[in-house]
C-alpha atoms as a PDB file:
ATOM      1  CA  UNK A   1      -0.038  -0.129   0.262  1.00  0.00           C
ATOM      2  CA  UNK A   2       3.006   2.339   0.807  1.00  0.00           C
ATOM      3  CA  UNK A   3       4.526   1.039  -2.377  1.00  0.00           C
ATOM      4  CA  UNK A   4       0.876   2.321  -4.241  1.00  0.00           C
ATOM      5  CA  UNK A   5       1.522   5.537  -2.846  1.00  0.00           C
ATOM      6  CA  UNK A   6       5.227   6.296  -3.286  1.00  0.00           C
ATOM      7  CA  UNK A   7       4.756   5.765  -6.627  1.00  0.00           C
ATOM      8  CA  UNK A   8       1.462   7.760  -6.899  1.00  0.00           C
ATOM      9  CA  UNK A   9       3.705  10.377  -5.711  1.00  0.00           C
ATOM     10  CA  UNK A  10       5.867  10.042  -7.991  1.00  0.00           C
ATOM     11  CA  UNK A  11       3.902  10.334 -11.276  1.00  0.00           C
ATOM     12  CA  UNK A  12       2.169  13.808  -9.794  1.00  0.00           C
ATOM     13  CA  UNK A  13       5.948  15.020  -9.707  1.00  0.00           C
ATOM     14  CA  UNK A  14       6.424  13.979 -12.550  1.00  0.00           C
ATOM     15  CA  UNK A  15       3.508  15.596 -14.020  1.00  0.00           C
ATOM     16  CA  UNK A  16       3.671  18.915 -11.873  1.00  0.00           C
ATOM     17  CA  UNK A  17       7.478  19.137 -13.721  1.00  0.00           C
ATOM     18  CA  UNK A  18       6.300  18.073 -17.009  1.00  0.00           C
ATOM     19  CA  UNK A  19       3.580  20.958 -16.798  1.00  0.00           C
ATOM     20  CA  UNK A  20       5.736  23.670 -15.557  1.00  0.00           C
ATOM     21  CA  UNK A  21       7.912  22.569 -18.247  1.00  0.00           C
ATOM     22  CA  UNK A  22       5.993  22.998 -21.209  1.00  0.00           C
ATOM     23  CA  UNK A  23       3.886  26.335 -19.094  1.00  0.00           C
ATOM     24  CA  UNK A  24       7.611  28.149 -19.832  1.00  0.00           C
ATOM     25  CA  UNK A  25       8.261  27.113 -23.804  1.00  0.00           C
ATOM     26  CA  UNK A  26       4.664  28.918 -24.233  1.00  0.00           C
ATOM     27  CA  UNK A  27       5.916  31.829 -22.412  1.00  0.00           C
ATOM     28  CA  UNK A  28       9.011  31.481 -24.834  1.00  0.00           C
ATOM     29  CA  UNK A  29       8.108  31.756 -27.288  1.00  0.00           C
ATOM     30  CA  UNK A  30       5.072  34.005 -26.507  1.00  0.00           C
ATOM     31  CA  UNK A  31       7.701  37.024 -24.986  1.00  0.00           C
ATOM     32  CA  UNK A  32      10.083  36.441 -28.503  1.00  0.00           C
ATOM     33  CA  UNK A  33       7.381  36.530 -30.976  1.00  0.00           C
ATOM     34  CA  UNK A  34       5.992  39.605 -29.665  1.00  0.00           C
ATOM     35  CA  UNK A  35       9.748  40.982 -29.072  1.00  0.00           C
ATOM     36  CA  UNK A  36      10.158  40.425 -32.569  1.00  0.00           C
ATOM     37  CA  UNK A  37       6.659  41.918 -33.876  1.00  0.00           C
ATOM     38  CA  UNK A  38       7.385  44.477 -32.029  1.00  0.00           C
ATOM     39  CA  UNK A  39       8.102  48.351 -34.546  1.00  0.00           C
ATOM     40  CA  UNK A  40       8.267  52.146 -33.657  1.00  0.00           C
ATOM     41  CA  UNK A  41       5.487  54.680 -35.273  1.00  0.00           C
ATOM     42  CA  UNK A  42       8.820  56.634 -36.974  1.00  0.00           C
ATOM     43  CA  UNK A  43       8.343  55.084 -39.883  1.00  0.00           C
ATOM     44  CA  UNK A  44       6.223  56.848 -42.312  1.00  0.00           C
ATOM     45  CA  UNK A  45       4.540  54.399 -45.357  1.00  0.00           C
ATOM     46  CA  UNK A  46       6.652  55.544 -48.406  1.00  0.00           C
ATOM     47  CA  UNK A  47       7.822  54.309 -51.290  1.00  0.00           C
ATOM     48  CA  UNK A  48       7.763  55.963 -53.696  1.00  0.00           C
ATOM     49  CA  UNK A  49       8.299  60.093 -53.850  1.00  0.00           C
ATOM     50  CA  UNK A  50       7.964  60.762 -57.514  1.00  0.00           C
ATOM     51  CA  UNK A  51       4.917  58.827 -58.079  1.00  0.00           C
ATOM     52  CA  UNK A  52       1.882  60.889 -59.425  1.00  0.00           C
ATOM     53  CA  UNK A  53      -0.512  57.899 -60.909  1.00  0.00           C
ATOM     54  CA  UNK A  54      -2.805  60.296 -62.001  1.00  0.00           C
ATOM     55  CA  UNK A  55       0.519  61.720 -64.639  1.00  0.00           C
ATOM     56  CA  UNK A  56      -1.668  59.521 -67.720  1.00  0.00           C
ATOM     57  CA  UNK A  57      -5.190  59.581 -66.643  1.00  0.00           C
ATOM     58  CA  UNK A  58      -8.343  61.567 -67.949  1.00  0.00           C
ATOM     59  CA  UNK A  59     -10.640  61.301 -65.568  1.00  0.00           C
ATOM     60  CA  UNK A  60     -10.328  60.736 -61.787  1.00  0.00           C
ATOM     61  CA  UNK A  61     -13.164  59.289 -59.813  1.00  0.00           C
ATOM     62  CA  UNK A  62     -13.564  61.064 -56.391  1.00  0.00           C
ATOM     63  CA  UNK A  63     -12.989  58.699 -53.879  1.00  0.00           C
ATOM     64  CA  UNK A  64     -12.659  59.707 -49.955  1.00  0.00           C
ATOM     65  CA  UNK A  65     -10.465  61.755 -48.308  1.00  0.00           C
ATOM     66  CA  UNK A  66      -9.802  63.278 -52.167  1.00  0.00           C
ATOM     67  CA  UNK A  67      -9.918  67.112 -52.380  1.00  0.00           C
ATOM     68  CA  UNK A  68      -9.154  69.020 -55.626  1.00  0.00           C
ATOM     69  CA  UNK A  69      -5.897  70.463 -54.290  1.00  0.00           C
ATOM     70  CA  UNK A  70      -4.912  66.471 -53.692  1.00  0.00           C
ATOM     71  CA  UNK A  71      -6.175  65.555 -56.698  1.00  0.00           C
ATOM     72  CA  UNK A  72      -4.023  68.346 -58.740  1.00  0.00           C
ATOM     73  CA  UNK A  73      -1.324  67.844 -56.379  1.00  0.00           C
ATOM     74  CA  UNK A  74      -1.253  64.036 -57.957  1.00  0.00           C
ATOM     75  CA  UNK A  75      -2.273  64.753 -60.770  1.00  0.00           C
ATOM     76  CA  UNK A  76       0.153  67.866 -62.223  1.00  0.00           C
ATOM     77  CA  UNK A  77      -2.181  70.546 -63.359  1.00  0.00           C
ATOM     78  CA  UNK A  78      -2.946  72.641 -60.451  1.00  0.00           C
ATOM     79  CA  UNK A  79      -6.324  72.681 -58.772  1.00  0.00           C
ATOM     80  CA  UNK A  80      -7.188  76.201 -60.716  1.00  0.00           C
ATOM     81  CA  UNK A  81      -6.883  73.923 -63.929  1.00  0.00           C
ATOM     82  CA  UNK A  82      -9.306  71.801 -62.340  1.00  0.00           C
ATOM     83  CA  UNK A  83     -11.711  73.959 -61.339  1.00  0.00           C
ATOM     84  CA  UNK A  84     -12.129  75.673 -64.759  1.00  0.00           C
ATOM     85  CA  UNK A  85     -12.080  72.498 -66.328  1.00  0.00           C
ATOM     86  CA  UNK A  86     -14.648  71.088 -64.747  1.00  0.00           C
ATOM     87  CA  UNK A  87     -16.669  73.921 -63.737  1.00  0.00           C
ATOM     88  CA  UNK A  88     -16.313  73.845 -59.842  1.00  0.00           C
ATOM     89  CA  UNK A  89     -16.551  77.609 -57.911  1.00  0.00           C
ATOM     90  CA  UNK A  90     -14.517  77.762 -54.709  1.00  0.00           C
ATOM     91  CA  UNK A  91     -14.652  76.515 -51.649  1.00  0.00           C
ATOM     92  CA  UNK A  92     -13.963  73.292 -54.292  1.00  0.00           C
ATOM     93  CA  UNK A  93     -16.164  70.638 -52.896  1.00  0.00           C
ATOM     94  CA  UNK A  94     -16.368  67.879 -54.371  1.00  0.00           C
ATOM     95  CA  UNK A  95     -19.130  64.687 -53.972  1.00  0.00           C
ATOM     96  CA  UNK A  96     -17.789  60.846 -53.613  1.00  0.00           C
ATOM     97  CA  UNK A  97     -18.118  59.276 -57.273  1.00  0.00           C
ATOM     98  CA  UNK A  98     -17.724  61.958 -58.657  1.00  0.00           C
ATOM     99  CA  UNK A  99     -15.847  62.547 -62.361  1.00  0.00           C
ATOM    100  CA  UNK A 100     -12.895  65.007 -62.854  1.00  0.00           C
ATOM    101  CA  UNK A 101     -11.382  65.644 -65.550  1.00  0.00           C
ATOM    102  CA  UNK A 102      -8.194  66.198 -65.967  1.00  0.00           C
ATOM    103  CA  UNK A 103      -7.181  67.313 -69.654  1.00  0.00           C
ATOM    104  CA  UNK A 104      -8.268  71.074 -70.635  1.00  0.00           C
ATOM    105  CA  UNK A 105     -11.610  70.720 -72.756  1.00  0.00           C
ATOM    106  CA  UNK A 106     -12.079  71.650 -76.526  1.00  0.00           C
ATOM    107  CA  UNK A 107     -13.221  75.162 -76.428  1.00  0.00           C
ATOM    108  CA  UNK A 108     -15.893  76.315 -78.410  1.00  0.00           C
ATOM    109  CA  UNK A 109     -16.267  79.149 -80.534  1.00  0.00           C
ATOM    110  CA  UNK A 110     -17.634  82.208 -79.528  1.00  0.00           C
ATOM    111  CA  UNK A 111     -19.577  84.523 -82.466  1.00  0.00           C
ATOM    112  CA  UNK A 112     -17.937  87.897 -82.169  1.00  0.00           C
ATOM    113  CA  UNK A 113     -20.086  90.796 -81.044  1.00  0.00           C
ATOM    114  CA  UNK A 114     -18.818  94.375 -82.469  1.00  0.00           C
ATOM    115  CA  UNK A 115     -19.629  97.179 -81.039  1.00  0.00           C
ATOM    116  CA  UNK A 116     -22.568  99.444 -81.751  1.00  0.00           C
ATOM    117  CA  UNK A 117     -21.000 102.844 -80.918  1.00  0.00           C
ATOM    118  CA  UNK A 118     -17.355 104.191 -79.731  1.00  0.00           C
ATOM    119  CA  UNK A 119     -18.088 104.623 -76.487  1.00  0.00           C
ATOM    120  CA  UNK A 120     -18.189 101.560 -75.629  1.00  0.00           C
ATOM    121  CA  UNK A 121     -14.982 100.343 -77.374  1.00  0.00           C
ATOM    122  CA  UNK A 122     -13.779 102.987 -75.472  1.00  0.00           C
ATOM    123  CA  UNK A 123     -15.416 101.354 -71.707  1.00  0.00           C
ATOM    124  CA  UNK A 124     -14.065  98.087 -72.611  1.00  0.00           C
ATOM    125  CA  UNK A 125     -10.632  99.131 -73.106  1.00  0.00           C
ATOM    126  CA  UNK A 126     -10.661 100.814 -69.798  1.00  0.00           C
ATOM    127  CA  UNK A 127     -11.805  97.413 -68.605  1.00  0.00           C
ATOM    128  CA  UNK A 128      -8.751  95.758 -69.882  1.00  0.00           C
ATOM    129  CA  UNK A 129      -5.840  98.249 -68.817  1.00  0.00           C
ATOM    130  CA  UNK A 130      -6.965  98.646 -64.717  1.00  0.00           C
ATOM    131  CA  UNK A 131      -6.988  94.308 -65.262  1.00  0.00           C
ATOM    132  CA  UNK A 132      -3.686  94.633 -66.559  1.00  0.00           C
ATOM    133  CA  UNK A 133      -2.558  97.018 -63.791  1.00  0.00           C
ATOM    134  CA  UNK A 134      -4.211  94.637 -60.466  1.00  0.00           C
ATOM    135  CA  UNK A 135      -2.297  91.589 -62.484  1.00  0.00           C
ATOM    136  CA  UNK A 136       1.203  93.381 -62.302  1.00  0.00           C
ATOM    137  CA  UNK A 137       0.434  94.357 -58.956  1.00  0.00           C
ATOM    138  CA  UNK A 138      -0.510  90.735 -58.139  1.00  0.00           C
ATOM    139  CA  UNK A 139       3.362  89.773 -59.313  1.00  0.00           C
ATOM    140  CA  UNK A 140       4.921  92.003 -57.669  1.00  0.00           C
ATOM    141  CA  UNK A 141       3.659  90.789 -53.692  1.00  0.00           C
ATOM    142  CA  UNK A 142       4.306  87.363 -56.006  1.00  0.00           C
ATOM    143  CA  UNK A 143       8.234  89.148 -55.881  1.00  0.00           C
ATOM    144  CA  UNK A 144       8.126  89.867 -52.594  1.00  0.00           C
ATOM    145  CA  UNK A 145       6.903  86.562 -51.725  1.00  0.00           C
ATOM    146  CA  UNK A 146       9.876  85.692 -49.218  1.00  0.00           C
ATOM    147  CA  UNK A 147      10.335  81.437 -48.019  1.00  0.00           C
ATOM    148  CA  UNK A 148      12.755  80.008 -45.237  1.00  0.00           C
ATOM    149  CA  UNK A 149      13.755  76.159 -44.800  1.00  0.00           C
ATOM    150  CA  UNK A 150      11.135  73.873 -43.213  1.00  0.00           C
ATOM    151  CA  UNK A 151      14.291  72.253 -42.018  1.00  0.00           C
ATOM    152  CA  UNK A 152      17.646  72.935 -41.137  1.00  0.00           C
ATOM    153  CA  UNK A 153      20.013  69.662 -42.896  1.00  0.00           C
ATOM    154  CA  UNK A 154      22.574  68.348 -45.502  1.00  0.00           C
ATOM    155  CA  UNK A 155      19.824  68.184 -49.047  1.00  0.00           C
ATOM    156  CA  UNK A 156      19.949  64.247 -49.655  1.00  0.00           C
ATOM    157  CA  UNK A 157      18.301  64.599 -52.711  1.00  0.00           C
ATOM    158  CA  UNK A 158      18.046  67.494 -55.398  1.00  0.00           C
ATOM    159  CA  UNK A 159      15.340  68.460 -57.180  1.00  0.00           C
ATOM    160  CA  UNK A 160      15.030  66.889 -60.545  1.00  0.00           C
ATOM    161  CA  UNK A 161      11.467  67.572 -63.185  1.00  0.00           C
ATOM    162  CA  UNK A 162      11.834  63.969 -64.102  1.00  0.00           C
ATOM    163  CA  UNK A 163      13.355  62.001 -61.153  1.00  0.00           C
ATOM    164  CA  UNK A 164      12.217  63.879 -57.697  1.00  0.00           C
ATOM    165  CA  UNK A 165       9.877  66.560 -57.945  1.00  0.00           C
ATOM    166  CA  UNK A 166      11.240  68.399 -54.648  1.00  0.00           C
ATOM    167  CA  UNK A 167      14.159  68.269 -52.006  1.00  0.00           C
ATOM    168  CA  UNK A 168      15.054  65.665 -49.315  1.00  0.00           C
ATOM    169  CA  UNK A 169      16.539  67.044 -46.515  1.00  0.00           C
ATOM    170  CA  UNK A 170      18.538  64.746 -43.619  1.00  0.00           C
ATOM    171  CA  UNK A 171      16.887  65.539 -40.515  1.00  0.00           C
ATOM    172  CA  UNK A 172      16.249  63.595 -37.013  1.00  0.00           C
ATOM    173  CA  UNK A 173      13.015  61.505 -36.202  1.00  0.00           C
ATOM    174  CA  UNK A 174      10.799  63.522 -34.374  1.00  0.00           C
ATOM    175  CA  UNK A 175      12.661  66.929 -35.331  1.00  0.00           C
ATOM    176  CA  UNK A 176      10.186  69.975 -36.220  1.00  0.00           C
ATOM    177  CA  UNK A 177       9.213  70.973 -39.453  1.00  0.00           C
ATOM    178  CA  UNK A 178       9.046  74.169 -39.876  1.00  0.00           C
ATOM    179  CA  UNK A 179       6.010  75.998 -42.084  1.00  0.00           C
ATOM    180  CA  UNK A 180       7.925  77.948 -45.536  1.00  0.00           C
ATOM    181  CA  UNK A 181       5.894  80.081 -45.834  1.00  0.00           C
ATOM    182  CA  UNK A 182       2.073  81.997 -44.513  1.00  0.00           C
ATOM    183  CA  UNK A 183      -1.032  80.092 -45.981  1.00  0.00           C
ATOM    184  CA  UNK A 184      -3.971  77.268 -45.105  1.00  0.00           C
ATOM    185  CA  UNK A 185      -3.578  74.472 -45.381  1.00  0.00           C
ATOM    186  CA  UNK A 186      -5.301  72.104 -48.120  1.00  0.00           C
ATOM    187  CA  UNK A 187      -4.201  68.895 -46.996  1.00  0.00           C
ATOM    188  CA  UNK A 188      -3.253  66.738 -44.715  1.00  0.00           C
ATOM    189  CA  UNK A 189      -3.260  62.817 -44.227  1.00  0.00           C
ATOM    190  CA  UNK A 190      -2.244  60.156 -45.417  1.00  0.00           C
ATOM    191  CA  UNK A 191      -3.839  59.661 -49.280  1.00  0.00           C
ATOM    192  CA  UNK A 192      -1.219  60.341 -51.690  1.00  0.00           C
ATOM    193  CA  UNK A 193       0.177  56.817 -52.444  1.00  0.00           C
ATOM    194  CA  UNK A 194       3.784  57.339 -52.590  1.00  0.00           C
ATOM    195  CA  UNK A 195       3.484  60.694 -49.769  1.00  0.00           C
ATOM    196  CA  UNK A 196       3.228  59.257 -46.551  1.00  0.00           C
ATOM    197  CA  UNK A 197       2.329  61.612 -43.992  1.00  0.00           C
ATOM    198  CA  UNK A 198       1.212  64.708 -46.407  1.00  0.00           C
ATOM    199  CA  UNK A 199       0.502  67.984 -45.444  1.00  0.00           C
ATOM    200  CA  UNK A 200       0.092  70.397 -48.694  1.00  0.00           C
ATOM    201  CA  UNK A 201      -0.662  74.134 -47.569  1.00  0.00           C
ATOM    202  CA  UNK A 202      -1.703  77.355 -49.886  1.00  0.00           C
ATOM    203  CA  UNK A 203      -0.463  80.750 -49.529  1.00  0.00           C
ATOM    204  CA  UNK A 204      -1.228  82.148 -52.487  1.00  0.00           C
ATOM    205  CA  UNK A 205      -3.121  82.420 -55.730  1.00  0.00           C
ATOM    206  CA  UNK A 206       0.436  80.262 -57.170  1.00  0.00           C
ATOM    207  CA  UNK A 207       2.171  79.227 -54.937  1.00  0.00           C
ATOM    208  CA  UNK A 208       1.864  75.405 -52.496  1.00  0.00           C
ATOM    209  CA  UNK A 209       4.325  73.830 -50.641  1.00  0.00           C
ATOM    210  CA  UNK A 210       4.041  70.210 -50.426  1.00  0.00           C
ATOM    211  CA  UNK A 211       5.982  68.154 -46.964  1.00  0.00           C
ATOM    212  CA  UNK A 212       6.027  64.211 -47.254  1.00  0.00           C
ATOM    213  CA  UNK A 213       7.749  61.138 -45.329  1.00  0.00           C
ATOM    214  CA  UNK A 214       6.520  62.670 -42.182  1.00  0.00           C
ATOM    215  CA  UNK A 215       6.216  60.486 -38.456  1.00  0.00           C
ATOM    216  CA  UNK A 216       3.225  63.291 -37.430  1.00  0.00           C
ATOM    217  CA  UNK A 217       1.576  66.178 -38.550  1.00  0.00           C
ATOM    218  CA  UNK A 218       0.365  68.837 -36.508  1.00  0.00           C
ATOM    219  CA  UNK A 219      -2.504  70.504 -37.859  1.00  0.00           C
ATOM    220  CA  UNK A 220      -5.641  70.000 -39.746  1.00  0.00           C
ATOM    221  CA  UNK A 221      -7.307  70.726 -42.654  1.00  0.00           C
ATOM    222  CA  UNK A 222      -8.348  74.835 -43.360  1.00  0.00           C
ATOM    223  CA  UNK A 223      -6.082  75.659 -40.464  1.00  0.00           C
ATOM    224  CA  UNK A 224      -4.493  78.758 -41.058  1.00  0.00           C
ATOM    225  CA  UNK A 225      -0.953  78.492 -40.714  1.00  0.00           C
ATOM    226  CA  UNK A 226       2.300  81.760 -40.078  1.00  0.00           C
ATOM    227  CA  UNK A 227       5.575  81.570 -42.014  1.00  0.00           C
ATOM    228  CA  UNK A 228       8.444  79.053 -38.983  1.00  0.00           C
ATOM    229  CA  UNK A 229       4.912  77.698 -37.605  1.00  0.00           C
ATOM    230  CA  UNK A 230       6.019  73.827 -37.001  1.00  0.00           C
ATOM    231  CA  UNK A 231       3.047  71.304 -39.029  1.00  0.00           C
ATOM    232  CA  UNK A 232       4.836  68.019 -38.919  1.00  0.00           C
ATOM    233  CA  UNK A 233       7.689  66.029 -37.253  1.00  0.00           C
ATOM    234  CA  UNK A 234      10.185  64.382 -39.145  1.00  0.00           C
ATOM    235  CA  UNK A 235       9.708  60.192 -40.580  1.00  0.00           C
ATOM    236  CA  UNK A 236      12.284  58.324 -42.877  1.00  0.00           C
ATOM    237  CA  UNK A 237      11.447  55.603 -45.938  1.00  0.00           C
ATOM    238  CA  UNK A 238      11.314  51.769 -43.900  1.00  0.00           C
ATOM    239  CA  UNK A 239      15.485  52.061 -42.155  1.00  0.00           C
ATOM    240  CA  UNK A 240      16.800  54.811 -44.334  1.00  0.00           C
ATOM    241  CA  UNK A 241      17.695  58.043 -42.560  1.00  0.00           C
ATOM    242  CA  UNK A 242      15.121  60.402 -41.503  1.00  0.00           C
ATOM    243  CA  UNK A 243      14.495  63.367 -43.905  1.00  0.00           C
ATOM    244  CA  UNK A 244      11.543  65.826 -45.317  1.00  0.00           C
ATOM    245  CA  UNK A 245      10.483  66.256 -48.676  1.00  0.00           C
ATOM    246  CA  UNK A 246       9.538  69.139 -49.728  1.00  0.00           C
ATOM    247  CA  UNK A 247       8.228  70.388 -52.283  1.00  0.00           C
ATOM    248  CA  UNK A 248       7.270  73.529 -53.442  1.00  0.00           C
ATOM    249  CA  UNK A 249       4.930  74.441 -56.476  1.00  0.00           C
ATOM    250  CA  UNK A 250       3.730  77.853 -58.871  1.00  0.00           C
ATOM    251  CA  UNK A 251       0.760  76.829 -60.964  1.00  0.00           C
ATOM    252  CA  UNK A 252       0.439  72.701 -60.390  1.00  0.00           C
ATOM    253  CA  UNK A 253       3.918  72.225 -61.862  1.00  0.00           C
ATOM    254  CA  UNK A 254       7.065  71.781 -59.307  1.00  0.00           C
ATOM    255  CA  UNK A 255       9.759  74.000 -59.282  1.00  0.00           C
ATOM    256  CA  UNK A 256      13.515  74.133 -57.498  1.00  0.00           C
ATOM    257  CA  UNK A 257      12.762  75.118 -53.975  1.00  0.00           C
ATOM    258  CA  UNK A 258      16.799  75.733 -53.970  1.00  0.00           C
ATOM    259  CA  UNK A 259      15.539  78.675 -56.165  1.00  0.00           C
ATOM    260  CA  UNK A 260      13.499  79.879 -54.237  1.00  0.00           C
ATOM    261  CA  UNK A 261      15.038  79.058 -50.722  1.00  0.00           C
ATOM    262  CA  UNK A 262      17.340  81.723 -48.839  1.00  0.00           C
ATOM    263  CA  UNK A 263      21.041  80.621 -49.587  1.00  0.00           C
END
């Protein structure tokens, strides 16, 4: 009887050790697996800055998160041309599923109407003269439009119309990104393929600036920002060096930021 009890105790001891060993193995795999799958939030989902998928498209169906500014940015035509071609008045509201024409439509010929009196001719000339003066004044304002660097750092990649629509500025993860000039945020999000967390700021009727590959966006669409205001934090592409991709667009077309930024 006593021998049976001793044998039972030994069997229970082996069972307890087996259970304990199994638990230790499970805990090891759980801990190891979680350590391997842990990632940081400093990586922006960016693959290629230069991908503008709407370049070859004739129409674009509006999707969730699209704005006329973002569509104009991706197509390279600019929001003003798209608004004109599609007859969309300010504030450029869009509906999901709405088809946006991405090409200049053929102009219909208008009948030439001759003025009946010489006085009308004079009035038309005066109006044209006034418009010319207004445009001239606006150009002077643009010439006095000064930019500042959004980030201090070395230039990792230069501007190229064919390959790089802006410049890549080296930085550190979490480093503050500043607005290059005063304006209004017209896009804030990650819906544009190839740009990660992106901000687009409208400065006036001519210029937009774009700040891509951010780890965090600190301003929202519709918000007015001042020159030098912190708007985002630097991110990076995969495990490459942390950097900011910065673009300036004039009438929707990319221009070399180094020609406008102070030396």
